[in-house]
């Protein structure tokens, strides 16, 4: 189980907080207005932190130093992107996502390697799939028989610089495409996995848990 920090206790933040807690994770939610916490169910056991979401002391109170992931889903684009950058660059949280209302701005930040979800196509599921790896098993697409699934895969940072062919051989998957700087790219087996890449791979649904286990760990020597 992991610790998650959410900035923004609106409808979006509440949905994320409840879903993550129901999955057995610990959750802290930040909002400038303590009245916003009334939206949370009475049984919510996570931390409720009143303060500015991108303030370092506020983030520390929320447990950002132990966080597996950070989601900035307040109503302000600037606040969301600033908080996301602080989480990643100051506290080195690897899994971050920011909700952005302006599609043009979202594309700019995506090209800078900052994961964003534009409000016009936003859903709690899209955010969760970026910060909760196991939720990605449902996949982006299933072929008619239901046996094969195309899904985003999460890789340990040690895979950075490795060719996608090595990832395919280690996990028994086929990389269909990658998202790099906000654009889809059709890779070759020699294409190297770079920081900020999102890898989409086709796999047998029954192997999804094993694929996640293999790729969330550093590569074995034989996969080089």
Protein backbone atom coordinates (compact mmCIF):
# COMPACT_ATOMS: atom_id res chain seq x y z
CA UNK A 1 0.00 0.00 0.00
CA UNK A 2 1.20 3.52 -0.75
CA UNK A 3 0.65 7.12 0.35
CA UNK A 4 -1.04 9.60 -2.00
CA UNK A 5 -1.31 13.38 -1.73
CA UNK A 6 -4.14 15.22 -3.47
CA UNK A 7 -4.37 19.00 -3.90
CA UNK A 8 -7.94 20.24 -4.21
CA UNK A 9 -10.98 18.98 -2.31
CA UNK A 10 -13.59 19.63 -4.96
CA UNK A 11 -15.65 16.92 -6.64
CA UNK A 12 -12.55 15.66 -8.45
CA UNK A 13 -10.34 15.48 -5.37
CA UNK A 14 -13.04 13.84 -3.29
CA UNK A 15 -13.58 11.13 -5.92
CA UNK A 16 -9.86 10.41 -6.03
CA UNK A 17 -9.53 10.40 -2.22
CA UNK A 18 -12.40 7.98 -1.72
CA UNK A 19 -11.28 5.66 -4.52
CA UNK A 20 -7.70 5.49 -3.27
CA UNK A 21 -8.78 4.92 0.32
CA UNK A 22 -11.17 2.16 -0.80
CA UNK A 23 -8.18 0.53 -2.50
CA UNK A 24 -6.40 0.38 0.86
CA UNK A 25 -3.98 3.27 0.37
CA UNK A 26 -3.31 6.16 2.76
CA UNK A 27 -4.44 9.56 1.51
CA UNK A 28 -3.86 13.21 2.41
CA UNK A 29 -5.92 15.96 0.79
CA UNK A 30 -5.01 19.65 0.74
CA UNK A 31 -7.34 22.62 0.32
CA UNK A 32 -7.12 26.32 1.19
CA UNK A 33 -10.68 26.31 2.54
CA UNK A 34 -11.30 23.89 5.40
CA UNK A 35 -15.02 23.97 4.58
CA UNK A 36 -14.20 22.01 1.44
CA UNK A 37 -13.47 18.95 3.58
CA UNK A 38 -17.21 18.68 4.30
CA UNK A 39 -17.48 17.05 0.89
CA UNK A 40 -15.59 14.04 2.19
CA UNK A 41 -17.58 11.16 3.63
CA UNK A 42 -17.73 10.93 7.41
CA UNK A 43 -15.72 7.72 7.41
CA UNK A 44 -12.78 9.23 5.50
CA UNK A 45 -9.71 8.51 7.65
CA UNK A 46 -7.04 10.34 5.64
CA UNK A 47 -5.30 13.59 6.51
CA UNK A 48 -7.08 16.88 5.86
CA UNK A 49 -4.53 19.67 5.49
CA UNK A 50 -5.61 23.30 5.24
CA UNK A 51 -3.17 25.43 3.28
CA UNK A 52 -1.78 26.42 -0.09
CA UNK A 53 -1.15 23.27 -2.09
CA UNK A 54 2.21 24.30 -3.52
CA UNK A 55 3.58 25.57 -0.18
CA UNK A 56 6.40 23.27 0.90
CA UNK A 57 5.45 23.22 4.59
CA UNK A 58 1.84 22.42 3.68
CA UNK A 59 2.99 19.61 1.43
CA UNK A 60 5.20 18.22 4.19
CA UNK A 61 2.21 18.20 6.55
CA UNK A 62 0.42 16.10 3.96
CA UNK A 63 3.31 13.60 3.90
CA UNK A 64 4.70 14.51 0.49
CA UNK A 65 8.13 13.20 1.50
CA UNK A 66 6.69 9.69 1.74
CA UNK A 67 4.25 10.00 -1.15
CA UNK A 68 4.14 7.53 -4.02
CA UNK A 69 2.13 9.98 -6.12
CA UNK A 70 0.76 13.52 -6.16
CA UNK A 71 -2.32 14.78 -8.01
CA UNK A 72 -3.06 18.51 -8.37
CA UNK A 73 -6.75 18.84 -9.23
CA UNK A 74 -7.73 22.26 -7.90
CA UNK A 75 -9.59 24.80 -10.04
CA UNK A 76 -6.47 26.81 -10.91
CA UNK A 77 -4.14 25.87 -13.78
CA UNK A 78 -1.20 27.86 -12.43
CA UNK A 79 -1.55 26.44 -8.93
CA UNK A 80 -1.84 22.90 -10.24
CA UNK A 81 1.21 23.08 -12.45
CA UNK A 82 3.30 24.86 -9.79
CA UNK A 83 2.36 22.31 -7.15
CA UNK A 84 3.15 19.46 -9.51
CA UNK A 85 6.58 20.89 -10.25
CA UNK A 86 7.33 21.35 -6.54
CA UNK A 87 6.27 17.75 -5.83
CA UNK A 88 8.47 16.39 -8.60
CA UNK A 89 11.49 18.70 -8.51
CA UNK A 90 11.73 19.45 -4.78
CA UNK A 91 10.37 16.28 -3.19
CA UNK A 92 11.24 13.93 -6.07
CA UNK A 93 7.79 12.33 -6.30
CA UNK A 94 7.98 10.21 -9.44
CA UNK A 95 4.26 9.90 -10.16
CA UNK A 96 2.56 13.27 -10.61
CA UNK A 97 -0.37 14.59 -12.63
CA UNK A 98 -1.95 18.02 -12.99
CA UNK A 99 -5.44 18.89 -14.17
CA UNK A 100 -5.32 21.74 -16.69
CA UNK A 101 -8.33 23.64 -18.04
CA UNK A 102 -6.59 25.35 -20.96
CA UNK A 103 -5.92 22.67 -23.64
CA UNK A 104 -3.20 24.78 -25.27
CA UNK A 105 -1.38 25.16 -21.99
CA UNK A 106 -1.79 21.47 -21.22
CA UNK A 107 -0.03 20.59 -24.46
CA UNK A 108 2.90 22.87 -23.59
CA UNK A 109 3.37 21.26 -20.19
CA UNK A 110 3.00 17.79 -21.68
CA UNK A 111 5.85 18.59 -24.06
CA UNK A 112 7.94 19.58 -21.04
CA UNK A 113 7.34 16.15 -19.59
CA UNK A 114 4.74 17.18 -17.00
CA UNK A 115 1.79 14.75 -17.13
CA UNK A 116 -1.48 16.65 -17.50
CA UNK A 117 -5.14 15.88 -18.00
CA UNK A 118 -7.16 18.56 -19.80
CA UNK A 119 -10.47 19.34 -18.10
CA UNK A 120 -12.43 19.01 -21.34
CA UNK A 121 -11.67 15.29 -21.41
CA UNK A 122 -11.08 14.79 -17.72
CA UNK A 123 -12.35 11.94 -15.62
CA UNK A 124 -11.26 10.50 -12.27
CA UNK A 125 -10.32 7.31 -14.11
CA UNK A 126 -7.78 9.15 -16.28
CA UNK A 127 -6.04 10.63 -13.25
CA UNK A 128 -6.07 7.35 -11.34
CA UNK A 129 -4.49 5.51 -14.25
CA UNK A 130 -1.53 7.90 -14.08
CA UNK A 131 -0.92 7.53 -10.35
CA UNK A 132 -2.26 4.06 -9.54
CA UNK A 133 -0.49 1.47 -11.73
CA UNK A 134 -2.75 -1.45 -10.90
CA UNK A 135 -5.79 0.42 -12.20
CA UNK A 136 -4.27 0.32 -15.68
CA UNK A 137 -4.91 -3.41 -16.01
CA UNK A 138 -8.35 -2.68 -17.50
CA UNK A 139 -6.49 -1.32 -20.49
CA UNK A 140 -7.09 1.20 -23.25
CA UNK A 141 -8.39 -1.43 -25.67
CA UNK A 142 -9.34 -5.11 -25.73
CA UNK A 143 -9.52 -7.16 -28.90
CA UNK A 144 -12.87 -8.92 -29.55
CA UNK A 145 -12.04 -12.15 -27.73
CA UNK A 146 -11.13 -10.21 -24.59
CA UNK A 147 -7.86 -12.11 -24.20
CA UNK A 148 -5.48 -9.35 -25.33
CA UNK A 149 -5.38 -5.90 -23.79
CA UNK A 150 -3.56 -2.71 -24.78
CA UNK A 151 -2.52 -0.83 -21.66
CA UNK A 152 -0.13 1.77 -20.31
CA UNK A 153 2.69 0.11 -18.39
CA UNK A 154 4.67 1.51 -15.49
CA UNK A 155 8.43 0.94 -15.47
CA UNK A 156 11.04 1.21 -12.76
CA UNK A 157 13.39 4.19 -13.40
CA UNK A 158 16.22 1.70 -13.92
CA UNK A 159 14.74 0.93 -17.34
CA UNK A 160 15.60 4.43 -18.57
CA UNK A 161 17.93 4.24 -21.56
CA UNK A 162 17.06 0.62 -22.28
CA UNK A 163 15.73 -0.31 -25.73
CA UNK A 164 12.06 -1.15 -25.93
CA UNK A 165 13.04 -4.52 -27.37
CA UNK A 166 14.58 -5.39 -23.99
CA UNK A 167 11.32 -4.45 -22.27
CA UNK A 168 9.37 -6.67 -24.67
CA UNK A 169 11.66 -9.65 -24.10
CA UNK A 170 11.69 -9.27 -20.31
CA UNK A 171 7.92 -9.00 -19.89
CA UNK A 172 6.62 -10.89 -22.91
CA UNK A 173 4.71 -7.90 -24.26
CA UNK A 174 4.60 -6.03 -27.56
CA UNK A 175 5.08 -2.26 -27.35
CA UNK A 176 2.48 -0.72 -29.65
CA UNK A 177 3.44 2.93 -29.28
CA UNK A 178 4.85 5.47 -26.86
CA UNK A 179 3.74 8.98 -25.96
CA UNK A 180 6.72 11.33 -25.97
CA UNK A 181 6.45 15.09 -25.36
CA UNK A 182 2.70 14.82 -25.77
CA UNK A 183 2.82 13.08 -29.16
CA UNK A 184 2.32 9.46 -30.17
CA UNK A 185 5.40 7.73 -31.60
CA UNK A 186 5.62 4.38 -33.39
CA UNK A 187 8.84 2.91 -31.99
CA UNK A 188 11.26 0.29 -33.23
CA UNK A 189 12.75 -2.38 -30.94
CA UNK A 190 15.89 -0.20 -30.80
CA UNK A 191 14.01 2.89 -29.58
CA UNK A 192 15.22 3.70 -26.07
CA UNK A 193 12.87 4.35 -23.15
CA UNK A 194 13.33 8.00 -22.10
CA UNK A 195 12.27 9.98 -19.04
CA UNK A 196 8.72 11.25 -19.49
CA UNK A 197 7.73 8.52 -21.97
CA UNK A 198 4.41 6.74 -21.57
CA UNK A 199 4.66 3.19 -22.89
CA UNK A 200 1.58 1.44 -24.29
CA UNK A 201 1.93 -2.31 -24.70
CA UNK A 202 -0.25 -5.20 -25.86
CA UNK A 203 -0.31 -8.20 -23.54
CA UNK A 204 -2.32 -11.24 -22.55
CA UNK A 205 -4.78 -10.14 -19.85
CA UNK A 206 -3.89 -13.13 -17.68
CA UNK A 207 -0.26 -11.98 -17.68
CA UNK A 208 -0.99 -8.39 -16.60
CA UNK A 209 -0.03 -8.87 -12.94
CA UNK A 210 3.22 -10.62 -13.86
CA UNK A 211 4.05 -7.90 -16.42
CA UNK A 212 3.53 -5.26 -13.75
CA UNK A 213 5.74 -7.18 -11.31
CA UNK A 214 8.58 -7.56 -13.80
CA UNK A 215 8.61 -3.99 -15.07
CA UNK A 216 8.17 -2.33 -11.67
CA UNK A 217 11.51 -3.85 -10.68
CA UNK A 218 14.99 -3.07 -12.08
CA UNK A 219 15.86 -5.04 -15.24
CA UNK A 220 17.61 -8.36 -14.78
CA UNK A 221 21.03 -8.72 -16.39
CA UNK A 222 19.76 -11.18 -18.96
CA UNK A 223 17.32 -8.59 -20.34
CA UNK A 224 20.15 -6.31 -21.43
